[in-house]
Amino acid sequence: MTVYSIRPEATLEAVQRALGDKVKRLTVALGEVELLVSPADLLVVAKALRDTPGCQFEQLLDLCGVDYSEYKAGAYEGPRFAVVMQLLSVSLNQRLRLKVFASDDDMPSLASVTEIWNSANWFEREAFDLFGIVFEGHNDLRRILTDYGFIGHPFRKDFPTTGHVEMRFDAEQGRVVYQPVTIETREITPRIIREENYGGLQ
């Protein structure tokens, strides 16, 4: 198989031809093509990016959630949650960043792309676990990093850094128990050494 390396501008033109009016924004940034699409078009766009000659993004390298609630110091006005996918065309030696915003801030959901790129499986579970983004059509959407009894989604910026509950092993009950967080807020001040010749220093 011949491996081609083409300019990002050529990939941008191929993506524009393949997707037409499904493109909301298409640019080249940091030497890579960036594409924004609407959630309704996600699956159609993903299939076209994988299968269309000139695109040929055979691999999904990464998928992550983003919370924009405090973006631009709170001056941002727009959908709160987005998913960003990093795609790779091995055939053309090109990368593409695909971004899509969830339309509902209270219950963010997007179509799962696991049928198109099976590597999305655990990435989608991670975004669900940490951000609460639901991926419709995922065949095993459950927590992957937090405990099964965990309440909330840790990477939401409205989630307390100390958490809501903590768990510990109770020797009397012989099992793990959950209880309210007992961490006390404290000020950490560096110790100031005023002793002469401390540590043998003159």
C-alpha atoms as a PDB file:
ATOM      1  CA  MET A   1       0.000   0.000   0.000  1.00  0.00           C
ATOM      2  CA  THR A   2       1.305   3.440  -0.906  1.00  0.00           C
ATOM      3  CA  VAL A   3       1.244   5.957   1.952  1.00  0.00           C
ATOM      4  CA  TYR A   4       0.573   9.540   0.931  1.00  0.00           C
ATOM      5  CA  SER A   5       1.275  12.689   2.902  1.00  0.00           C
ATOM      6  CA  ILE A   6      -0.801  15.669   1.835  1.00  0.00           C
ATOM      7  CA  ARG A   7      -1.211  19.216   3.076  1.00  0.00           C
ATOM      8  CA  PRO A   8      -3.927  19.960   5.678  1.00  0.00           C
ATOM      9  CA  GLU A   9      -5.451  22.438   3.196  1.00  0.00           C
ATOM     10  CA  ALA A  10      -6.039  19.554   0.769  1.00  0.00           C
ATOM     11  CA  THR A  11      -7.741  17.571   3.535  1.00  0.00           C
ATOM     12  CA  LEU A  12      -9.890  20.613   4.356  1.00  0.00           C
ATOM     13  CA  GLU A  13     -11.038  20.836   0.734  1.00  0.00           C
ATOM     14  CA  ALA A  14     -11.801  17.093   0.629  1.00  0.00           C
ATOM     15  CA  VAL A  15     -13.816  17.319   3.880  1.00  0.00           C
ATOM     16  CA  GLN A  16     -15.769  20.313   2.539  1.00  0.00           C
ATOM     17  CA  ARG A  17     -16.615  18.411  -0.670  1.00  0.00           C
ATOM     18  CA  ALA A  18     -17.625  15.283   1.257  1.00  0.00           C
ATOM     19  CA  LEU A  19     -19.837  17.025   3.824  1.00  0.00           C
ATOM     20  CA  GLY A  20     -21.243  20.050   2.024  1.00  0.00           C
ATOM     21  CA  ASP A  21     -23.814  21.927   4.125  1.00  0.00           C
ATOM     22  CA  LYS A  22     -23.280  19.640   7.125  1.00  0.00           C
ATOM     23  CA  VAL A  23     -20.165  21.684   7.956  1.00  0.00           C
ATOM     24  CA  LYS A  24     -20.805  24.349  10.606  1.00  0.00           C
ATOM     25  CA  ARG A  25     -17.166  25.453  10.822  1.00  0.00           C
ATOM     26  CA  LEU A  26     -14.058  24.152   9.074  1.00  0.00           C
ATOM     27  CA  THR A  27     -10.574  25.585   9.603  1.00  0.00           C
ATOM     28  CA  VAL A  28      -6.898  24.651   9.778  1.00  0.00           C
ATOM     29  CA  ALA A  29      -5.363  25.307  13.202  1.00  0.00           C
ATOM     30  CA  LEU A  30      -1.959  24.210  14.476  1.00  0.00           C
ATOM     31  CA  GLY A  31      -1.377  22.279  11.263  1.00  0.00           C
ATOM     32  CA  GLU A  32      -4.534  20.174  11.626  1.00  0.00           C
ATOM     33  CA  VAL A  33      -8.043  20.409  10.244  1.00  0.00           C
ATOM     34  CA  GLU A  34     -10.760  21.333  12.772  1.00  0.00           C
ATOM     35  CA  LEU A  35     -14.391  20.535  12.010  1.00  0.00           C
ATOM     36  CA  LEU A  36     -17.550  21.527  13.898  1.00  0.00           C
ATOM     37  CA  VAL A  37     -20.831  19.778  13.116  1.00  0.00           C
ATOM     38  CA  SER A  38     -24.314  19.664  14.642  1.00  0.00           C
ATOM     39  CA  PRO A  39     -25.322  16.719  16.846  1.00  0.00           C
ATOM     40  CA  ALA A  40     -28.062  15.683  14.392  1.00  0.00           C
ATOM     41  CA  ASP A  41     -25.443  15.139  11.655  1.00  0.00           C
ATOM     42  CA  LEU A  42     -22.801  13.385  13.759  1.00  0.00           C
ATOM     43  CA  LEU A  43     -23.263   9.798  12.514  1.00  0.00           C
ATOM     44  CA  VAL A  44     -23.599  10.765   8.844  1.00  0.00           C
ATOM     45  CA  VAL A  45     -20.504  12.972   9.127  1.00  0.00           C
ATOM     46  CA  ALA A  46     -18.504  10.287  10.936  1.00  0.00           C
ATOM     47  CA  LYS A  47     -19.264   7.681   8.255  1.00  0.00           C
ATOM     48  CA  ALA A  48     -18.358  10.119   5.492  1.00  0.00           C
ATOM     49  CA  LEU A  49     -15.076  11.018   7.191  1.00  0.00           C
ATOM     50  CA  ARG A  50     -14.172   7.338   7.432  1.00  0.00           C
ATOM     51  CA  ASP A  51     -15.287   6.170   3.989  1.00  0.00           C
ATOM     52  CA  THR A  52     -14.943   9.074   1.535  1.00  0.00           C
ATOM     53  CA  PRO A  53     -11.807   9.081  -0.661  1.00  0.00           C
ATOM     54  CA  GLY A  54      -9.667  12.053   0.270  1.00  0.00           C
ATOM     55  CA  CYS A  55     -10.796  11.844   3.890  1.00  0.00           C
ATOM     56  CA  GLN A  56     -10.207   8.205   4.896  1.00  0.00           C
ATOM     57  CA  PHE A  57     -10.052   8.753   8.663  1.00  0.00           C
ATOM     58  CA  GLU A  58      -9.832   5.096   9.575  1.00  0.00           C
ATOM     59  CA  GLN A  59      -8.895   5.566  13.227  1.00  0.00           C
ATOM     60  CA  LEU A  60     -10.318   7.409  16.200  1.00  0.00           C
ATOM     61  CA  LEU A  61      -7.367   8.142  18.484  1.00  0.00           C
ATOM     62  CA  ASP A  62      -9.159   9.940  21.286  1.00  0.00           C
ATOM     63  CA  LEU A  63     -12.539  11.229  22.400  1.00  0.00           C
ATOM     64  CA  CYS A  64     -13.074  13.538  25.367  1.00  0.00           C
ATOM     65  CA  GLY A  65     -15.753  15.672  26.949  1.00  0.00           C
ATOM     66  CA  VAL A  66     -15.428  19.430  27.489  1.00  0.00           C
ATOM     67  CA  ASP A  67     -17.363  21.623  29.934  1.00  0.00           C
ATOM     68  CA  TYR A  68     -17.560  25.244  28.746  1.00  0.00           C
ATOM     69  CA  SER A  69     -19.457  26.585  31.784  1.00  0.00           C
ATOM     70  CA  GLU A  70     -16.550  28.783  32.910  1.00  0.00           C
ATOM     71  CA  TYR A  71     -14.999  29.378  29.480  1.00  0.00           C
ATOM     72  CA  LYS A  72     -13.777  32.954  28.908  1.00  0.00           C
ATOM     73  CA  ALA A  73     -14.295  33.709  32.610  1.00  0.00           C
ATOM     74  CA  GLY A  74     -18.015  33.014  32.311  1.00  0.00           C
ATOM     75  CA  ALA A  75     -18.515  35.370  29.350  1.00  0.00           C
ATOM     76  CA  TYR A  76     -19.121  32.454  26.941  1.00  0.00           C
ATOM     77  CA  GLU A  77     -22.700  32.061  25.739  1.00  0.00           C
ATOM     78  CA  GLY A  78     -23.475  28.808  24.034  1.00  0.00           C
ATOM     79  CA  PRO A  79     -23.981  25.100  24.683  1.00  0.00           C
ATOM     80  CA  ARG A  80     -22.211  23.907  27.826  1.00  0.00           C
ATOM     81  CA  PHE A  81     -20.975  20.430  26.864  1.00  0.00           C
ATOM     82  CA  ALA A  82     -19.016  19.321  23.811  1.00  0.00           C
ATOM     83  CA  VAL A  83     -17.249  16.194  22.661  1.00  0.00           C
ATOM     84  CA  VAL A  84     -13.959  16.431  20.768  1.00  0.00           C
ATOM     85  CA  MET A  85     -12.675  13.516  18.675  1.00  0.00           C
ATOM     86  CA  GLN A  86      -9.141  13.201  17.318  1.00  0.00           C
ATOM     87  CA  LEU A  87      -9.149  11.286  14.015  1.00  0.00           C
ATOM     88  CA  LEU A  88      -6.246   9.873  12.032  1.00  0.00           C
ATOM     89  CA  SER A  89      -5.988   8.958   8.366  1.00  0.00           C
ATOM     90  CA  VAL A  90      -3.192   6.410   8.149  1.00  0.00           C
ATOM     91  CA  SER A  91      -3.565   6.341   4.361  1.00  0.00           C
ATOM     92  CA  LEU A  92      -3.076  10.095   3.950  1.00  0.00           C
ATOM     93  CA  ASN A  93      -0.996  10.821   7.063  1.00  0.00           C
ATOM     94  CA  GLN A  94      -3.481  13.476   8.191  1.00  0.00           C
ATOM     95  CA  ARG A  95      -5.309  14.303  11.408  1.00  0.00           C
ATOM     96  CA  LEU A  96      -8.655  15.941  12.043  1.00  0.00           C
ATOM     97  CA  ARG A  97     -10.304  17.338  15.170  1.00  0.00           C
ATOM     98  CA  LEU A  98     -14.055  16.742  15.100  1.00  0.00           C
ATOM     99  CA  LYS A  99     -16.115  18.747  17.589  1.00  0.00           C
ATOM    100  CA  VAL A 100     -19.820  18.503  18.354  1.00  0.00           C
ATOM    101  CA  PHE A 101     -21.849  20.287  21.062  1.00  0.00           C
ATOM    102  CA  ALA A 102     -24.673  18.580  22.940  1.00  0.00           C
ATOM    103  CA  SER A 103     -27.897  20.533  22.466  1.00  0.00           C
ATOM    104  CA  ASP A 104     -29.239  20.035  26.021  1.00  0.00           C
ATOM    105  CA  ASP A 105     -27.155  21.417  28.904  1.00  0.00           C
ATOM    106  CA  ASP A 106     -29.210  19.657  31.602  1.00  0.00           C
ATOM    107  CA  MET A 107     -29.122  16.203  29.991  1.00  0.00           C
ATOM    108  CA  PRO A 108     -26.315  16.225  27.393  1.00  0.00           C
ATOM    109  CA  SER A 109     -26.528  13.376  24.904  1.00  0.00           C
ATOM    110  CA  LEU A 110     -24.989  12.526  21.550  1.00  0.00           C
ATOM    111  CA  ALA A 111     -25.050   9.555  19.212  1.00  0.00           C
ATOM    112  CA  SER A 112     -22.424   6.911  19.916  1.00  0.00           C
ATOM    113  CA  VAL A 113     -19.765   6.464  17.222  1.00  0.00           C
ATOM    114  CA  THR A 114     -18.728   2.990  18.422  1.00  0.00           C
ATOM    115  CA  GLU A 115     -20.263   1.356  15.326  1.00  0.00           C
ATOM    116  CA  ILE A 116     -18.004   3.524  13.146  1.00  0.00           C
ATOM    117  CA  TRP A 117     -14.817   3.459  15.253  1.00  0.00           C
ATOM    118  CA  ASN A 118     -14.871   0.723  17.889  1.00  0.00           C
ATOM    119  CA  SER A 119     -12.000   2.408  19.743  1.00  0.00           C
ATOM    120  CA  ALA A 120     -14.595   4.962  20.947  1.00  0.00           C
ATOM    121  CA  ASN A 121     -16.047   2.407  23.378  1.00  0.00           C
ATOM    122  CA  TRP A 122     -14.050   3.179  26.533  1.00  0.00           C
ATOM    123  CA  PHE A 123     -13.553   6.853  25.595  1.00  0.00           C
ATOM    124  CA  GLU A 124     -17.338   7.338  25.530  1.00  0.00           C
ATOM    125  CA  ARG A 125     -17.675   5.543  28.856  1.00  0.00           C
ATOM    126  CA  GLU A 126     -15.059   7.887  30.326  1.00  0.00           C
ATOM    127  CA  ALA A 127     -16.850  11.010  29.018  1.00  0.00           C
ATOM    128  CA  PHE A 128     -20.118   9.641  30.436  1.00  0.00           C
ATOM    129  CA  ASP A 129     -18.546   8.893  33.801  1.00  0.00           C
ATOM    130  CA  LEU A 130     -16.671  12.179  34.247  1.00  0.00           C
ATOM    131  CA  PHE A 131     -18.990  14.662  32.461  1.00  0.00           C
ATOM    132  CA  GLY A 132     -22.390  12.931  32.412  1.00  0.00           C
ATOM    133  CA  ILE A 133     -22.612  12.977  28.600  1.00  0.00           C
ATOM    134  CA  VAL A 134     -24.901  10.136  27.460  1.00  0.00           C
ATOM    135  CA  PHE A 135     -24.007   8.352  24.209  1.00  0.00           C
ATOM    136  CA  GLU A 136     -27.159   6.996  22.592  1.00  0.00           C
ATOM    137  CA  GLY A 137     -26.633   3.560  21.039  1.00  0.00           C
ATOM    138  CA  HIS A 138     -23.597   2.628  23.147  1.00  0.00           C
ATOM    139  CA  ASN A 139     -24.029  -1.042  24.048  1.00  0.00           C
ATOM    140  CA  ASP A 140     -22.396  -0.893  27.500  1.00  0.00           C
ATOM    141  CA  LEU A 141     -22.533   2.690  28.820  1.00  0.00           C
ATOM    142  CA  ARG A 142     -21.510   2.483  32.471  1.00  0.00           C
ATOM    143  CA  ARG A 143     -18.941   4.046  34.756  1.00  0.00           C
ATOM    144  CA  ILE A 144     -15.319   3.227  34.048  1.00  0.00           C
ATOM    145  CA  LEU A 145     -13.240   5.295  36.518  1.00  0.00           C
ATOM    146  CA  THR A 146     -15.462   6.039  39.512  1.00  0.00           C
ATOM    147  CA  ASP A 147     -17.148   3.586  41.850  1.00  0.00           C
ATOM    148  CA  TYR A 148     -20.509   2.124  40.779  1.00  0.00           C
ATOM    149  CA  GLY A 149     -22.217   3.827  43.734  1.00  0.00           C
ATOM    150  CA  PHE A 150     -20.670   7.201  42.961  1.00  0.00           C
ATOM    151  CA  ILE A 151     -23.104  10.106  42.705  1.00  0.00           C
ATOM    152  CA  GLY A 152     -22.443  12.865  40.187  1.00  0.00           C
ATOM    153  CA  HIS A 153     -19.804  13.479  37.541  1.00  0.00           C
ATOM    154  CA  PRO A 154     -16.416  14.696  38.825  1.00  0.00           C
ATOM    155  CA  PHE A 155     -15.311  16.814  35.829  1.00  0.00           C
ATOM    156  CA  ARG A 156     -18.392  19.007  35.830  1.00  0.00           C
ATOM    157  CA  LYS A 157     -17.273  22.344  37.143  1.00  0.00           C
ATOM    158  CA  ASP A 158     -20.230  22.434  39.543  1.00  0.00           C
ATOM    159  CA  PHE A 159     -19.009  19.300  41.322  1.00  0.00           C
ATOM    160  CA  PRO A 160     -17.304  19.989  44.696  1.00  0.00           C
ATOM    161  CA  THR A 161     -13.594  19.181  44.746  1.00  0.00           C
ATOM    162  CA  THR A 162     -14.042  17.251  47.992  1.00  0.00           C
ATOM    163  CA  GLY A 163     -16.943  15.219  46.619  1.00  0.00           C
ATOM    164  CA  HIS A 164     -20.310  14.519  48.237  1.00  0.00           C
ATOM    165  CA  VAL A 165     -19.496  11.253  50.003  1.00  0.00           C
ATOM    166  CA  GLU A 166     -16.439   9.242  50.945  1.00  0.00           C
ATOM    167  CA  MET A 167     -16.035   5.520  51.457  1.00  0.00           C
ATOM    168  CA  ARG A 168     -14.049   3.500  53.948  1.00  0.00           C
ATOM    169  CA  PHE A 169     -13.862  -0.066  55.194  1.00  0.00           C
ATOM    170  CA  ASP A 170     -15.775  -0.540  58.451  1.00  0.00           C
ATOM    171  CA  ALA A 171     -14.186  -3.371  60.458  1.00  0.00           C
ATOM    172  CA  GLU A 172     -17.243  -3.782  62.713  1.00  0.00           C
ATOM    173  CA  GLN A 173     -19.634  -4.188  59.786  1.00  0.00           C
ATOM    174  CA  GLY A 174     -17.059  -6.051  57.705  1.00  0.00           C
ATOM    175  CA  ARG A 175     -17.818  -4.054  54.570  1.00  0.00           C
ATOM    176  CA  VAL A 176     -17.240  -0.794  52.731  1.00  0.00           C
ATOM    177  CA  VAL A 177     -19.510   2.024  53.941  1.00  0.00           C
ATOM    178  CA  TYR A 178     -20.331   5.441  52.512  1.00  0.00           C
ATOM    179  CA  GLN A 179     -20.554   8.551  54.662  1.00  0.00           C
ATOM    180  CA  PRO A 180     -20.581  12.346  54.231  1.00  0.00           C
ATOM    181  CA  VAL A 181     -17.211  13.889  53.460  1.00  0.00           C
ATOM    182  CA  THR A 182     -15.293  14.823  56.623  1.00  0.00           C
ATOM    183  CA  ILE A 183     -12.480  16.863  55.058  1.00  0.00           C
ATOM    184  CA  GLU A 184     -12.050  20.167  56.862  1.00  0.00           C
ATOM    185  CA  THR A 185     -10.973  23.259  54.978  1.00  0.00           C
ATOM    186  CA  ARG A 186      -7.504  24.268  56.092  1.00  0.00           C
ATOM    187  CA  GLU A 187      -4.920  26.821  55.187  1.00  0.00           C
ATOM    188  CA  ILE A 188      -1.590  25.396  54.123  1.00  0.00           C
ATOM    189  CA  THR A 189       1.155  27.822  55.095  1.00  0.00           C
ATOM    190  CA  PRO A 190       4.799  26.979  54.462  1.00  0.00           C
ATOM    191  CA  ARG A 191       6.870  26.585  57.617  1.00  0.00           C
ATOM    192  CA  ILE A 192       9.289  29.453  58.128  1.00  0.00           C
ATOM    193  CA  ILE A 193      12.584  28.387  59.653  1.00  0.00           C
ATOM    194  CA  ARG A 194      14.146  31.049  61.862  1.00  0.00           C
ATOM    195  CA  GLU A 195      16.772  28.935  63.601  1.00  0.00           C
ATOM    196  CA  GLU A 196      20.386  29.882  63.070  1.00  0.00           C
ATOM    197  CA  ASN A 197      22.609  27.208  61.488  1.00  0.00           C
ATOM    198  CA  TYR A 198      19.532  25.154  60.535  1.00  0.00           C
ATOM    199  CA  GLY A 199      20.659  22.008  58.765  1.00  0.00           C
ATOM    200  CA  GLY A 200      24.284  22.957  59.240  1.00  0.00           C
ATOM    201  CA  LEU A 201      23.972  26.038  57.042  1.00  0.00           C
ATOM    202  CA  GLN A 202      26.023  29.100  57.961  1.00  0.00           C
END
